[in-house]
Amino acid sequence: MGKFYNLYNDSPIRLEYFLASVENLVISPKFQDKVVYYQLLTKFDFLEDKINHPKFGVEALIRDYDLIHEVAEETLNPQQLKILKFIQRTLQLSSHIVSKDPTQLVGQLWGRLQGFNYPDIEKLLKDAEDSNSKKTWLRPLTPSLTTPDSPLIRTFTGHNSSVTAVSV
């Protein structure tokens, strides 16, 4: 678990409230510093804690990135907006893996994002690597997984025969 988990370790209810509050935080008219939204969604500890929490998971985290439109025009520069979209797309591309095995998050981030030379992405990857320093994991040396700027959106699993239609 990440730093947010450790911060709220004494109160699982407070941790749950914090992890659930991103949408309320952004939409609230009282919330002035919407840059916090960007900072939160580029922190590995937040991603890890939200994915590992039994009430949330990767899909809830992906929905947090949908709030980009609420704050984009007001406070985010084009590079920040691009970074958030890359992280969201990375989570979408790896959701079928991370939802079954959250420990794969670090490898998925590295395999999909390391080719993008943005300081905030590099920090996210460094923090992810540091969080895994005591574990054995395969760190891709090159971006070896489908990158978030590819046309692929999601991978569906679990079907037993060919897929003939998809409803969104």
Foldseek 3Di string as FASTA:
>chain_A
DAPLCVVCVVPPVVSVCVLPCLVVLLPDPVNDPCVVLLVLLLALRSCLSQQPDPVHHLVNSLVSLVCCVSCVVPDDDPVSNVVSLQSSQLSQACVVPCNVPVVCVLQSLQLAPPVDPDVSSVVSNVNSCVVCVVDDDDGDPYNNDHYSVDPDRHDDDDDDDDDDDDDD
